[in-house]
């Protein structure tokens, strides 16, 4: 099985940071979740997903929320011509002045346990992706869970019983969120045990890069085609 795409964890972290920023902006403007959802024409659940950096909501939903919070211009910049090369033959194209380089550093905050949360979330997203296409891996996770339950009483027993339902019914959203309960479930998870070593190491390597801080826009860094 292939390792995760080299930018998968980076993209996940960018969404998490965007969600956090939108949540802070909403609160700074004195808007509650009910009012914000009403203005955006979405449910509170969907708004919660946006503020959690969930990849599920459409880009249109994100754009509506950003527009209401006054930051849609940032997407407009990306969609427009401002970042495009100057037309051939124009004065700008003939200029010898170095083009400005926009750089953004993406990293995780150790003090807020972001590294652990991101790593756990990324590992589970990869595990869910694999079990959806390979039922044998799902059976493997269920067997692991039953073995744990057979060991007797444990502080994690309640979480393990909840995992039985998650695995049986495929309720993956319960463990891929940013709620306290989702974090607790991931800590007692039988799911990551099914990850091949190559896939697991790929996620850990990407998280390690973000731990150091990854600079986007650095001309020395090659971006995937």
N, C-alpha and C. Protein backbone atom coordinates (compact mmCIF):
# COMPACT_ATOMS: atom_id res chain seq x y z
N UNK A 1 0.83 -1.19 0.00
CA UNK A 1 0.00 0.00 0.00
C UNK A 1 0.87 1.24 0.00
N UNK A 2 0.49 2.23 -0.75
CA UNK A 2 1.29 3.42 -0.92
C UNK A 2 1.28 4.30 0.32
N UNK A 3 2.40 5.02 0.50
CA UNK A 3 2.46 6.01 1.57
C UNK A 3 1.57 7.18 1.21
N UNK A 4 1.13 7.97 2.20
CA UNK A 4 0.28 9.12 1.90
C UNK A 4 1.01 10.14 1.04
N UNK A 5 0.25 10.91 0.27
CA UNK A 5 0.82 11.97 -0.56
C UNK A 5 1.68 12.88 0.31
N UNK A 6 2.77 13.37 -0.28
CA UNK A 6 3.75 14.13 0.48
C UNK A 6 3.22 15.45 1.02
N UNK A 7 2.06 15.90 0.55
CA UNK A 7 1.49 17.16 1.04
C UNK A 7 0.21 16.95 1.86
N UNK A 8 -0.18 15.70 2.10
CA UNK A 8 -1.47 15.43 2.74
C UNK A 8 -1.56 16.04 4.13
N UNK A 9 -0.54 15.86 4.95
CA UNK A 9 -0.57 16.39 6.31
C UNK A 9 -0.48 17.91 6.30
N UNK A 10 0.32 18.46 5.39
CA UNK A 10 0.41 19.92 5.26
C UNK A 10 -0.94 20.52 4.93
N UNK A 11 -1.63 19.92 3.96
CA UNK A 11 -2.95 20.42 3.58
C UNK A 11 -3.92 20.33 4.74
N UNK A 12 -3.80 19.26 5.53
CA UNK A 12 -4.69 19.10 6.69
C UNK A 12 -4.42 20.20 7.72
N UNK A 13 -3.15 20.48 7.96
CA UNK A 13 -2.80 21.51 8.93
C UNK A 13 -3.27 22.88 8.47
N UNK A 14 -3.17 23.16 7.17
CA UNK A 14 -3.64 24.44 6.65
C UNK A 14 -5.13 24.61 6.89
N UNK A 15 -5.90 23.53 6.68
CA UNK A 15 -7.34 23.61 6.93
C UNK A 15 -7.63 23.81 8.41
N UNK A 16 -6.88 23.13 9.26
CA UNK A 16 -7.08 23.29 10.71
C UNK A 16 -6.80 24.73 11.12
N UNK A 17 -5.73 25.31 10.57
CA UNK A 17 -5.40 26.70 10.90
C UNK A 17 -6.45 27.66 10.38
N UNK A 18 -6.98 27.39 9.18
CA UNK A 18 -8.03 28.23 8.62
C UNK A 18 -9.27 28.17 9.50
N UNK A 19 -9.66 26.96 9.91
CA UNK A 19 -10.83 26.82 10.77
C UNK A 19 -10.67 27.57 12.08
N UNK A 20 -9.48 27.45 12.68
CA UNK A 20 -9.20 28.16 13.94
C UNK A 20 -9.31 29.67 13.74
N UNK A 21 -8.78 30.15 12.62
CA UNK A 21 -8.81 31.59 12.36
C UNK A 21 -10.24 32.09 12.19
N UNK A 22 -11.06 31.34 11.44
CA UNK A 22 -12.44 31.75 11.23
C UNK A 22 -13.21 31.76 12.54
N UNK A 23 -12.93 30.81 13.40
CA UNK A 23 -13.60 30.77 14.70
C UNK A 23 -13.22 31.98 15.54
N UNK A 24 -11.93 32.32 15.53
CA UNK A 24 -11.48 33.50 16.30
C UNK A 24 -12.09 34.78 15.75
N UNK A 25 -12.17 34.89 14.42
CA UNK A 25 -12.77 36.07 13.81
C UNK A 25 -14.24 36.21 14.19
N UNK A 26 -14.96 35.09 14.16
CA UNK A 26 -16.39 35.14 14.51
C UNK A 26 -16.56 35.63 15.95
N UNK A 27 -15.75 35.09 16.85
CA UNK A 27 -15.87 35.47 18.25
C UNK A 27 -15.47 36.93 18.46
N UNK A 28 -14.43 37.38 17.74
CA UNK A 28 -13.98 38.77 17.90
C UNK A 28 -15.03 39.76 17.41
N UNK A 29 -15.90 39.31 16.50
CA UNK A 29 -16.96 40.17 15.98
C UNK A 29 -18.26 40.01 16.76
N UNK A 30 -18.20 39.26 17.85
CA UNK A 30 -19.35 39.12 18.72
C UNK A 30 -20.49 38.31 18.13
N UNK A 31 -20.18 37.41 17.21
CA UNK A 31 -21.21 36.59 16.57
C UNK A 31 -21.27 35.21 17.21
N UNK A 32 -22.47 34.80 17.60
CA UNK A 32 -22.66 33.45 18.10
C UNK A 32 -22.80 32.47 16.94
N UNK A 33 -22.76 31.18 17.25
CA UNK A 33 -22.85 30.18 16.18
C UNK A 33 -24.22 30.18 15.52
N UNK A 34 -25.27 30.45 16.28
CA UNK A 34 -26.62 30.45 15.70
C UNK A 34 -26.75 31.58 14.68
N UNK A 35 -26.33 32.79 15.07
CA UNK A 35 -26.43 33.95 14.18
C UNK A 35 -25.53 33.77 12.95
N UNK A 36 -24.32 33.27 13.18
CA UNK A 36 -23.37 33.10 12.08
C UNK A 36 -23.90 32.08 11.07
N UNK A 37 -24.40 30.97 11.55
CA UNK A 37 -24.94 29.94 10.66
C UNK A 37 -26.13 30.47 9.88
N UNK A 38 -26.98 31.26 10.54
CA UNK A 38 -28.15 31.83 9.87
C UNK A 38 -27.73 32.77 8.76
N UNK A 39 -26.76 33.62 9.02
CA UNK A 39 -26.29 34.58 8.01
C UNK A 39 -25.65 33.85 6.81
N UNK A 40 -24.97 32.74 7.09
CA UNK A 40 -24.29 32.00 6.02
C UNK A 40 -25.23 31.05 5.29
N UNK A 41 -26.43 30.85 5.86
CA UNK A 41 -27.38 29.93 5.24
C UNK A 41 -26.97 28.49 5.36
N UNK A 42 -26.31 28.15 6.48
CA UNK A 42 -25.88 26.78 6.72
C UNK A 42 -26.32 26.37 8.12
N UNK A 43 -26.21 25.10 8.43
CA UNK A 43 -26.57 24.62 9.75
C UNK A 43 -25.43 24.88 10.74
N UNK A 44 -25.76 24.84 12.03
CA UNK A 44 -24.71 25.00 13.03
C UNK A 44 -23.70 23.87 12.95
N UNK A 45 -24.17 22.69 12.56
CA UNK A 45 -23.27 21.54 12.42
C UNK A 45 -22.25 21.80 11.32
N UNK A 46 -22.72 22.35 10.20
CA UNK A 46 -21.81 22.65 9.09
C UNK A 46 -20.83 23.75 9.49
N UNK A 47 -21.33 24.76 10.20
CA UNK A 47 -20.45 25.82 10.69
C UNK A 47 -19.38 25.23 11.61
N UNK A 48 -19.80 24.30 12.46
CA UNK A 48 -18.84 23.65 13.34
C UNK A 48 -17.77 22.91 12.56
N UNK A 49 -18.18 22.29 11.46
CA UNK A 49 -17.22 21.58 10.61
C UNK A 49 -16.22 22.54 9.98
N UNK A 50 -16.73 23.69 9.53
CA UNK A 50 -15.84 24.71 8.93
C UNK A 50 -14.83 25.20 9.96
N UNK A 51 -15.30 25.50 11.17
CA UNK A 51 -14.42 26.02 12.19
C UNK A 51 -13.48 24.96 12.74
N UNK A 52 -13.78 23.69 12.45
CA UNK A 52 -12.88 22.60 12.84
C UNK A 52 -11.90 22.26 11.73
N UNK A 53 -11.99 22.99 10.61
CA UNK A 53 -11.09 22.71 9.49
C UNK A 53 -11.38 21.40 8.83
N UNK A 54 -12.64 20.99 8.85
CA UNK A 54 -13.06 19.73 8.24
C UNK A 54 -13.01 19.86 6.71
N UNK A 55 -12.42 18.89 6.01
CA UNK A 55 -12.40 18.97 4.54
C UNK A 55 -13.74 18.65 3.90
N UNK A 56 -14.72 18.24 4.70
CA UNK A 56 -16.03 17.86 4.15
C UNK A 56 -16.81 19.00 3.51
N UNK A 57 -16.98 20.16 4.17
CA UNK A 57 -17.74 21.26 3.57
C UNK A 57 -17.11 21.71 2.26
N UNK A 58 -17.95 22.17 1.32
CA UNK A 58 -17.46 22.61 0.02
C UNK A 58 -16.68 23.90 0.15
N UNK A 59 -15.88 24.21 -0.87
CA UNK A 59 -15.14 25.47 -0.86
C UNK A 59 -16.11 26.65 -0.89
N UNK A 60 -17.29 26.45 -1.48
CA UNK A 60 -18.31 27.50 -1.49
C UNK A 60 -18.78 27.82 -0.09
N UNK A 61 -18.91 26.80 0.75
CA UNK A 61 -19.33 27.02 2.13
C UNK A 61 -18.26 27.79 2.89
N UNK A 62 -17.01 27.39 2.72
CA UNK A 62 -15.92 28.13 3.35
C UNK A 62 -15.92 29.59 2.89
N UNK A 63 -16.15 29.79 1.57
CA UNK A 63 -16.12 31.14 1.01
C UNK A 63 -17.23 32.00 1.60
N UNK A 64 -18.44 31.42 1.80
CA UNK A 64 -19.54 32.19 2.39
C UNK A 64 -19.18 32.66 3.79
N UNK A 65 -18.59 31.76 4.57
CA UNK A 65 -18.21 32.13 5.93
C UNK A 65 -17.11 33.19 5.91
N UNK A 66 -16.12 33.01 5.03
CA UNK A 66 -15.04 33.98 4.93
C UNK A 66 -15.56 35.35 4.50
N UNK A 67 -16.51 35.35 3.57
CA UNK A 67 -17.08 36.60 3.09
C UNK A 67 -17.78 37.35 4.21
N UNK A 68 -18.55 36.64 5.00
CA UNK A 68 -19.27 37.27 6.10
C UNK A 68 -18.32 37.81 7.16
N UNK A 69 -17.16 37.20 7.29
CA UNK A 69 -16.19 37.64 8.28
C UNK A 69 -15.20 38.65 7.72
N UNK A 70 -15.36 38.99 6.42
CA UNK A 70 -14.54 40.03 5.82
C UNK A 70 -13.17 39.61 5.34
N UNK A 71 -12.98 38.31 5.08
CA UNK A 71 -11.66 37.86 4.62
C UNK A 71 -11.74 37.13 3.28
N UNK A 72 -12.82 37.33 2.55
CA UNK A 72 -12.94 36.65 1.25
C UNK A 72 -11.95 37.22 0.23
N UNK A 73 -11.43 38.43 0.49
CA UNK A 73 -10.47 39.03 -0.43
C UNK A 73 -9.21 38.19 -0.58
N UNK A 74 -8.88 37.39 0.42
CA UNK A 74 -7.69 36.55 0.34
C UNK A 74 -7.86 35.46 -0.71
N UNK A 75 -9.06 34.91 -0.79
CA UNK A 75 -9.32 33.94 -1.85
C UNK A 75 -9.39 34.63 -3.20
N UNK A 76 -9.93 35.85 -3.23
CA UNK A 76 -10.02 36.59 -4.49
C UNK A 76 -8.62 36.86 -5.04
N UNK A 77 -7.65 37.09 -4.15
CA UNK A 77 -6.28 37.32 -4.58
C UNK A 77 -5.73 36.09 -5.29
N UNK A 78 -6.00 34.92 -4.73
CA UNK A 78 -5.52 33.68 -5.34
C UNK A 78 -6.22 33.41 -6.67
N UNK A 79 -7.50 33.78 -6.76
CA UNK A 79 -8.27 33.49 -7.98
C UNK A 79 -8.01 34.50 -9.09
N UNK A 80 -7.42 35.65 -8.75
CA UNK A 80 -7.21 36.69 -9.74
C UNK A 80 -5.87 36.60 -10.42
N UNK A 81 -5.46 37.71 -11.02
CA UNK A 81 -4.23 37.75 -11.81
C UNK A 81 -3.03 38.28 -11.03
N UNK A 82 -3.25 38.67 -9.78
CA UNK A 82 -2.18 39.34 -9.05
C UNK A 82 -0.94 38.45 -8.89
N UNK A 83 -1.16 37.13 -8.79
CA UNK A 83 -0.03 36.23 -8.56
C UNK A 83 0.43 35.55 -9.85
N UNK A 84 -0.10 35.98 -11.01
CA UNK A 84 0.26 35.37 -12.27
C UNK A 84 1.50 36.06 -12.87
N UNK A 85 2.28 35.34 -13.72
CA UNK A 85 3.42 35.97 -14.38
C UNK A 85 2.97 37.13 -15.27
N UNK A 86 3.84 38.12 -15.42
CA UNK A 86 3.51 39.27 -16.28
C UNK A 86 3.42 38.81 -17.73
N UNK A 87 2.52 39.42 -18.53
CA UNK A 87 2.39 39.04 -19.94
C UNK A 87 3.70 39.23 -20.70
N UNK A 88 3.98 38.32 -21.62
CA UNK A 88 5.21 38.39 -22.41
C UNK A 88 5.26 39.72 -23.18
N UNK A 89 6.42 40.36 -23.18
CA UNK A 89 6.58 41.61 -23.91
C UNK A 89 6.20 42.85 -23.13
N UNK A 90 5.59 42.68 -21.97
CA UNK A 90 5.18 43.85 -21.18
C UNK A 90 6.37 44.42 -20.44
N UNK A 91 6.20 45.65 -19.95
CA UNK A 91 7.27 46.31 -19.21
C UNK A 91 7.63 45.51 -17.96
N UNK A 92 6.61 44.94 -17.31
CA UNK A 92 6.85 44.16 -16.11
C UNK A 92 7.68 42.92 -16.41
N UNK A 93 7.41 42.30 -17.58
CA UNK A 93 8.14 41.10 -17.96
C UNK A 93 9.59 41.44 -18.28
N UNK A 94 9.84 42.65 -18.84
CA UNK A 94 11.20 43.04 -19.21
C UNK A 94 12.00 43.56 -18.03
N UNK A 95 11.33 43.85 -16.96
CA UNK A 95 12.00 44.42 -15.79
C UNK A 95 13.02 43.44 -15.23
N UNK A 96 14.15 43.98 -14.82
CA UNK A 96 15.19 43.15 -14.20
C UNK A 96 15.04 43.08 -12.69
N UNK A 97 14.07 43.80 -12.21
CA UNK A 97 13.83 43.79 -10.76
C UNK A 97 13.34 42.41 -10.34
N UNK A 98 13.88 41.92 -9.26
CA UNK A 98 13.49 40.58 -8.79
C UNK A 98 12.02 40.56 -8.40
N UNK A 99 11.34 39.49 -8.79
CA UNK A 99 9.93 39.36 -8.42
C UNK A 99 9.80 39.16 -6.92
N UNK A 100 8.81 39.77 -6.30
CA UNK A 100 8.62 39.55 -4.86
C UNK A 100 8.24 38.11 -4.59
N UNK A 101 8.72 37.60 -3.48
CA UNK A 101 8.42 36.23 -3.09
C UNK A 101 7.56 36.27 -1.83
N UNK A 102 6.41 35.66 -1.92
CA UNK A 102 5.52 35.58 -0.76
C UNK A 102 5.80 34.27 -0.04
N UNK A 103 6.18 34.35 1.22
CA UNK A 103 6.49 33.15 1.98
C UNK A 103 5.61 33.07 3.21
N UNK A 104 5.17 31.88 3.49
CA UNK A 104 4.35 31.63 4.67
C UNK A 104 4.93 30.42 5.40
N UNK A 105 5.15 30.56 6.69
CA UNK A 105 5.65 29.45 7.48
C UNK A 105 4.49 28.71 8.12
N UNK A 106 4.41 27.42 7.88
CA UNK A 106 3.36 26.59 8.46
C UNK A 106 4.00 25.68 9.49
N UNK A 107 3.49 25.73 10.70
CA UNK A 107 4.05 24.89 11.76
C UNK A 107 2.96 24.55 12.75
N UNK A 108 3.32 23.75 13.73
CA UNK A 108 2.37 23.39 14.77
C UNK A 108 2.84 23.95 16.09
N UNK A 109 1.92 24.15 17.01
CA UNK A 109 2.23 24.73 18.31
C UNK A 109 2.34 23.63 19.35
N UNK A 110 3.56 23.36 19.80
CA UNK A 110 3.79 22.29 20.78
C UNK A 110 3.02 22.55 22.08
N UNK A 111 2.93 23.83 22.49
CA UNK A 111 2.30 24.15 23.77
C UNK A 111 0.82 23.84 23.78
N UNK A 112 0.18 23.78 22.60
CA UNK A 112 -1.25 23.50 22.53
C UNK A 112 -1.52 22.06 22.12
N UNK A 113 -0.48 21.21 22.20
CA UNK A 113 -0.59 19.79 21.84
C UNK A 113 -1.03 19.61 20.39
N UNK A 114 -0.77 20.62 19.55
CA UNK A 114 -1.20 20.52 18.17
C UNK A 114 -0.48 19.40 17.43
N UNK A 115 0.77 19.16 17.77
CA UNK A 115 1.52 18.11 17.08
C UNK A 115 0.87 16.76 17.30
N UNK A 116 0.58 16.45 18.56
CA UNK A 116 -0.04 15.16 18.87
C UNK A 116 -1.41 15.03 18.22
N UNK A 117 -2.20 16.11 18.29
CA UNK A 117 -3.55 16.08 17.72
C UNK A 117 -3.49 15.89 16.20
N UNK A 118 -2.60 16.65 15.55
CA UNK A 118 -2.47 16.54 14.10
C UNK A 118 -2.00 15.15 13.70
N UNK A 119 -1.02 14.62 14.40
CA UNK A 119 -0.49 13.30 14.08
C UNK A 119 -1.56 12.23 14.24
N UNK A 120 -2.29 12.28 15.35
CA UNK A 120 -3.35 11.31 15.59
C UNK A 120 -4.44 11.40 14.53
N UNK A 121 -4.83 12.62 14.20
CA UNK A 121 -5.87 12.83 13.21
C UNK A 121 -5.42 12.32 11.84
N UNK A 122 -4.19 12.65 11.46
CA UNK A 122 -3.68 12.24 10.15
C UNK A 122 -3.56 10.72 10.05
N UNK A 123 -3.11 10.08 11.12
CA UNK A 123 -3.00 8.61 11.12
C UNK A 123 -4.38 7.96 10.97
N UNK A 124 -5.36 8.52 11.65
CA UNK A 124 -6.71 7.96 11.56
C UNK A 124 -7.35 8.21 10.20
N UNK A 125 -7.08 9.36 9.61
CA UNK A 125 -7.63 9.62 8.28
C UNK A 125 -7.04 8.64 7.26
N UNK A 126 -5.76 8.32 7.39
CA UNK A 126 -5.16 7.33 6.50
C UNK A 126 -5.74 5.95 6.75
N UNK A 127 -5.95 5.60 8.04
CA UNK A 127 -6.51 4.29 8.37
C UNK A 127 -7.93 4.14 7.82
N UNK A 128 -8.74 5.20 7.96
CA UNK A 128 -10.10 5.16 7.44
C UNK A 128 -10.09 5.02 5.92
N UNK A 129 -9.18 5.74 5.28
CA UNK A 129 -9.07 5.65 3.82
C UNK A 129 -8.78 4.21 3.39
N UNK A 130 -7.92 3.53 4.13
CA UNK A 130 -7.53 2.17 3.76
C UNK A 130 -8.63 1.14 4.04
N UNK A 131 -9.29 1.25 5.20
CA UNK A 131 -10.31 0.25 5.53
C UNK A 131 -11.54 0.39 4.63
N UNK A 132 -11.74 1.58 4.07
CA UNK A 132 -12.86 1.75 3.14
C UNK A 132 -12.66 0.96 1.86
N UNK A 133 -11.42 0.75 1.48
CA UNK A 133 -11.15 0.03 0.22
C UNK A 133 -10.71 -1.40 0.45
N UNK A 134 -10.40 -1.75 1.68
CA UNK A 134 -9.94 -3.11 1.98
C UNK A 134 -10.66 -3.66 3.21
N UNK A 135 -11.75 -4.40 3.02
CA UNK A 135 -12.52 -4.94 4.15
C UNK A 135 -11.69 -5.81 5.08
N UNK A 136 -10.63 -6.42 4.58
CA UNK A 136 -9.80 -7.28 5.42
C UNK A 136 -9.16 -6.46 6.55
N UNK A 137 -8.84 -5.20 6.29
CA UNK A 137 -8.25 -4.35 7.32
C UNK A 137 -9.28 -4.01 8.39
N UNK A 138 -10.53 -3.84 7.97
CA UNK A 138 -11.59 -3.58 8.94
C UNK A 138 -11.76 -4.79 9.87
N UNK A 139 -11.74 -5.98 9.30
CA UNK A 139 -11.84 -7.19 10.11
C UNK A 139 -10.66 -7.29 11.07
N UNK A 140 -9.51 -6.88 10.62
CA UNK A 140 -8.31 -6.90 11.47
C UNK A 140 -8.49 -5.97 12.67
N UNK A 141 -9.02 -4.77 12.42
CA UNK A 141 -9.25 -3.81 13.50
C UNK A 141 -10.29 -4.35 14.48
N UNK A 142 -11.35 -4.98 13.96
CA UNK A 142 -12.38 -5.54 14.83
C UNK A 142 -11.83 -6.67 15.68
N UNK A 143 -10.95 -7.49 15.11
CA UNK A 143 -10.34 -8.58 15.86
C UNK A 143 -9.45 -8.04 16.98
N UNK A 144 -8.72 -7.00 16.68
CA UNK A 144 -7.88 -6.35 17.70
C UNK A 144 -8.73 -5.82 18.84
N UNK A 145 -9.84 -5.19 18.49
CA UNK A 145 -10.74 -4.63 19.49
C UNK A 145 -11.33 -5.72 20.37
N UNK A 146 -11.77 -6.82 19.77
CA UNK A 146 -12.35 -7.91 20.54
C UNK A 146 -11.31 -8.51 21.48
N UNK A 147 -10.07 -8.56 21.05
CA UNK A 147 -9.00 -9.09 21.91
C UNK A 147 -8.80 -8.19 23.11
N UNK A 148 -8.86 -6.87 22.87
CA UNK A 148 -8.73 -5.94 23.98
C UNK A 148 -9.88 -6.08 24.97
N UNK A 149 -11.09 -6.18 24.45
CA UNK A 149 -12.27 -6.30 25.32
C UNK A 149 -12.22 -7.60 26.12
N UNK A 150 -11.60 -8.61 25.55
CA UNK A 150 -11.51 -9.90 26.23
C UNK A 150 -10.53 -9.93 27.38
N UNK A 151 -9.73 -8.86 27.51
CA UNK A 151 -8.74 -8.84 28.60
C UNK A 151 -9.38 -8.48 29.94
N UNK A 152 -10.63 -8.07 29.91
CA UNK A 152 -11.32 -7.74 31.16
C UNK A 152 -11.53 -6.25 31.33
N UNK A 153 -11.77 -5.86 32.58
CA UNK A 153 -12.09 -4.47 32.89
C UNK A 153 -10.91 -3.55 32.60
N UNK A 154 -11.23 -2.38 32.06
CA UNK A 154 -10.20 -1.39 31.76
C UNK A 154 -10.85 -0.01 31.77
N UNK A 155 -10.04 1.01 32.04
CA UNK A 155 -10.56 2.37 32.02
C UNK A 155 -11.02 2.76 30.61
N UNK A 156 -10.54 2.03 29.61
CA UNK A 156 -10.91 2.33 28.23
C UNK A 156 -12.08 1.49 27.73
N UNK A 157 -12.66 0.69 28.59
CA UNK A 157 -13.73 -0.21 28.16
C UNK A 157 -14.88 0.52 27.50
N UNK A 158 -15.29 1.65 28.09
CA UNK A 158 -16.39 2.41 27.51
C UNK A 158 -16.07 2.91 26.11
N UNK A 159 -14.84 3.36 25.91
CA UNK A 159 -14.41 3.81 24.60
C UNK A 159 -14.35 2.64 23.62
N UNK A 160 -13.89 1.50 24.08
CA UNK A 160 -13.79 0.33 23.21
C UNK A 160 -15.17 -0.14 22.76
N UNK A 161 -16.16 -0.09 23.67
CA UNK A 161 -17.53 -0.47 23.29
C UNK A 161 -18.07 0.52 22.25
N UNK A 162 -17.71 1.78 22.39
CA UNK A 162 -18.14 2.76 21.40
C UNK A 162 -17.46 2.49 20.05
N UNK A 163 -16.23 2.04 20.12
CA UNK A 163 -15.50 1.69 18.90
C UNK A 163 -16.16 0.51 18.17
N UNK A 164 -16.76 -0.40 18.91
CA UNK A 164 -17.46 -1.52 18.28
C UNK A 164 -18.53 -1.02 17.31
N UNK A 165 -19.31 -0.03 17.76
CA UNK A 165 -20.35 0.54 16.92
C UNK A 165 -19.76 1.32 15.75
N UNK A 166 -18.68 2.06 16.02
CA UNK A 166 -18.04 2.84 14.96
C UNK A 166 -17.54 1.93 13.84
N UNK A 167 -16.88 0.85 14.20
CA UNK A 167 -16.36 -0.07 13.20
C UNK A 167 -17.48 -0.81 12.47
N UNK A 168 -18.50 -1.19 13.22
CA UNK A 168 -19.60 -1.96 12.62
C UNK A 168 -20.41 -1.10 11.65
N UNK A 169 -20.62 0.16 11.98
CA UNK A 169 -21.48 1.02 11.17
C UNK A 169 -20.71 2.05 10.34
N UNK A 170 -19.40 2.05 10.45
CA UNK A 170 -18.61 2.99 9.67
C UNK A 170 -18.85 4.45 10.04
N UNK A 171 -19.02 4.73 11.31
CA UNK A 171 -19.28 6.09 11.76
C UNK A 171 -17.95 6.83 11.97
N UNK A 172 -17.25 7.05 10.87
CA UNK A 172 -15.89 7.60 10.94
C UNK A 172 -15.86 9.04 11.41
N UNK A 173 -16.90 9.80 11.15
CA UNK A 173 -16.89 11.21 11.55
C UNK A 173 -16.77 11.37 13.07
N UNK A 174 -17.18 10.36 13.81
CA UNK A 174 -17.09 10.43 15.26
C UNK A 174 -15.64 10.48 15.74
N UNK A 175 -14.72 9.94 14.93
CA UNK A 175 -13.32 9.88 15.36
C UNK A 175 -12.42 10.82 14.55
N UNK A 176 -12.98 11.47 13.53
CA UNK A 176 -12.17 12.36 12.69
C UNK A 176 -12.44 13.83 12.98
N UNK A 177 -13.14 14.09 14.07
CA UNK A 177 -13.43 15.47 14.43
C UNK A 177 -12.39 16.04 15.38
N UNK A 178 -12.66 17.25 15.86
CA UNK A 178 -11.74 17.91 16.80
C UNK A 178 -12.38 18.09 18.17
N UNK A 179 -13.44 17.34 18.42
CA UNK A 179 -14.09 17.41 19.72
C UNK A 179 -13.26 16.65 20.75
N UNK A 180 -13.53 16.91 22.00
CA UNK A 180 -12.84 16.21 23.09
C UNK A 180 -13.11 14.71 23.00
N UNK A 181 -14.37 14.34 22.68
CA UNK A 181 -14.70 12.92 22.60
C UNK A 181 -13.95 12.24 21.47
N UNK A 182 -13.82 12.92 20.32
CA UNK A 182 -13.09 12.35 19.19
C UNK A 182 -11.63 12.11 19.57
N UNK A 183 -11.05 13.04 20.31
CA UNK A 183 -9.67 12.88 20.75
C UNK A 183 -9.54 11.69 21.69
N UNK A 184 -10.50 11.53 22.60
CA UNK A 184 -10.47 10.40 23.53
C UNK A 184 -10.60 9.07 22.78
N UNK A 185 -11.47 9.04 21.78
CA UNK A 185 -11.64 7.83 21.00
C UNK A 185 -10.36 7.48 20.23
N UNK A 186 -9.70 8.49 19.69
CA UNK A 186 -8.46 8.22 18.97
C UNK A 186 -7.38 7.68 19.89
N UNK A 187 -7.39 8.12 21.15
CA UNK A 187 -6.39 7.64 22.10
C UNK A 187 -6.61 6.18 22.47
N UNK A 188 -7.83 5.67 22.29
CA UNK A 188 -8.14 4.27 22.61
C UNK A 188 -8.47 3.49 21.35
N UNK A 189 -7.83 3.84 20.26
CA UNK A 189 -8.21 3.33 18.95
C UNK A 189 -7.52 2.02 18.55
N UNK A 190 -8.29 1.08 17.98
CA UNK A 190 -7.70 -0.12 17.40
C UNK A 190 -7.40 0.07 15.91
N UNK A 191 -7.76 1.24 15.38
CA UNK A 191 -7.74 1.44 13.94
C UNK A 191 -6.34 1.64 13.38
N UNK A 192 -5.50 2.39 14.09
CA UNK A 192 -4.17 2.68 13.54
C UNK A 192 -3.28 1.44 13.53
N UNK A 193 -3.69 0.39 14.23
CA UNK A 193 -2.89 -0.85 14.21
C UNK A 193 -2.88 -1.49 12.83
N UNK A 194 -3.83 -1.14 11.98
CA UNK A 194 -3.90 -1.75 10.64
C UNK A 194 -3.01 -1.03 9.64
N UNK A 195 -2.43 0.10 10.02
CA UNK A 195 -1.63 0.87 9.08
C UNK A 195 -0.33 0.16 8.74
N UNK A 196 -0.03 0.00 7.45
CA UNK A 196 1.27 -0.54 7.06
C UNK A 196 2.39 0.39 7.54
N UNK A 197 3.56 -0.16 7.80
CA UNK A 197 4.67 0.62 8.33
C UNK A 197 5.03 1.79 7.41
N UNK A 198 4.95 1.59 6.10
CA UNK A 198 5.31 2.64 5.16
C UNK A 198 4.36 3.82 5.26
N UNK A 199 3.06 3.52 5.41
CA UNK A 199 2.07 4.58 5.51
C UNK A 199 2.24 5.34 6.82
N UNK A 200 2.42 4.60 7.91
CA UNK A 200 2.61 5.23 9.22
C UNK A 200 3.83 6.15 9.21
N UNK A 201 4.94 5.65 8.66
CA UNK A 201 6.16 6.44 8.65
C UNK A 201 6.02 7.68 7.77
N UNK A 202 5.25 7.55 6.69
CA UNK A 202 5.02 8.70 5.82
C UNK A 202 4.32 9.83 6.56
N UNK A 203 3.32 9.48 7.37
CA UNK A 203 2.62 10.49 8.17
C UNK A 203 3.56 11.10 9.20
N UNK A 204 4.32 10.26 9.89
CA UNK A 204 5.23 10.75 10.93
C UNK A 204 6.29 11.69 10.34
N UNK A 205 6.78 11.37 9.15
CA UNK A 205 7.78 12.22 8.51
C UNK A 205 7.18 13.60 8.18
N UNK A 206 5.94 13.61 7.68
CA UNK A 206 5.30 14.88 7.33
C UNK A 206 5.04 15.72 8.57
N UNK A 207 4.60 15.07 9.64
CA UNK A 207 4.37 15.79 10.89
C UNK A 207 5.70 16.34 11.43
N UNK A 208 6.77 15.57 11.27
CA UNK A 208 8.08 16.02 11.71
C UNK A 208 8.52 17.28 10.98
N UNK A 209 8.21 17.37 9.68
CA UNK A 209 8.54 18.57 8.92
C UNK A 209 7.79 19.79 9.45
N UNK A 210 6.51 19.58 9.76
CA UNK A 210 5.72 20.70 10.28
C UNK A 210 6.18 21.09 11.68
N UNK A 211 6.67 20.13 12.43
CA UNK A 211 7.18 20.44 13.77
C UNK A 211 8.34 21.45 13.68
N UNK A 212 9.16 21.29 12.64
CA UNK A 212 10.29 22.20 12.45
C UNK A 212 9.85 23.52 11.83
N UNK A 213 8.73 23.49 11.09
CA UNK A 213 8.27 24.67 10.39
C UNK A 213 8.61 24.57 8.92
N UNK A 214 7.59 24.56 8.08
CA UNK A 214 7.76 24.41 6.64
C UNK A 214 7.42 25.74 5.97
N UNK A 215 8.35 26.26 5.17
CA UNK A 215 8.17 27.55 4.52
C UNK A 215 7.59 27.34 3.12
N UNK A 216 6.38 27.83 2.89
CA UNK A 216 5.77 27.78 1.57
C UNK A 216 6.18 29.02 0.79
N UNK A 217 6.56 28.82 -0.45
CA UNK A 217 6.98 29.94 -1.27
C UNK A 217 8.48 30.09 -1.33
N UNK A 218 9.21 29.24 -0.61
CA UNK A 218 10.67 29.28 -0.65
C UNK A 218 11.12 28.71 -1.99
N UNK A 219 11.85 29.50 -2.82
CA UNK A 219 12.25 29.00 -4.14
C UNK A 219 13.17 27.80 -4.06
N UNK A 220 13.78 27.53 -2.89
CA UNK A 220 14.66 26.38 -2.76
C UNK A 220 13.88 25.10 -2.56
N UNK A 221 12.58 25.24 -2.27
CA UNK A 221 11.75 24.06 -2.01
C UNK A 221 10.96 23.73 -3.26
N UNK A 222 11.10 22.52 -3.74
CA UNK A 222 10.36 22.10 -4.93
C UNK A 222 8.97 21.66 -4.51
N UNK A 223 7.97 22.14 -5.21
CA UNK A 223 6.60 21.74 -4.94
C UNK A 223 6.19 20.66 -5.91
N UNK A 224 5.34 19.69 -5.48
CA UNK A 224 4.93 18.61 -6.36
C UNK A 224 4.17 19.14 -7.57
N UNK A 225 4.36 18.49 -8.71
CA UNK A 225 3.63 18.90 -9.92
C UNK A 225 2.18 18.54 -9.79
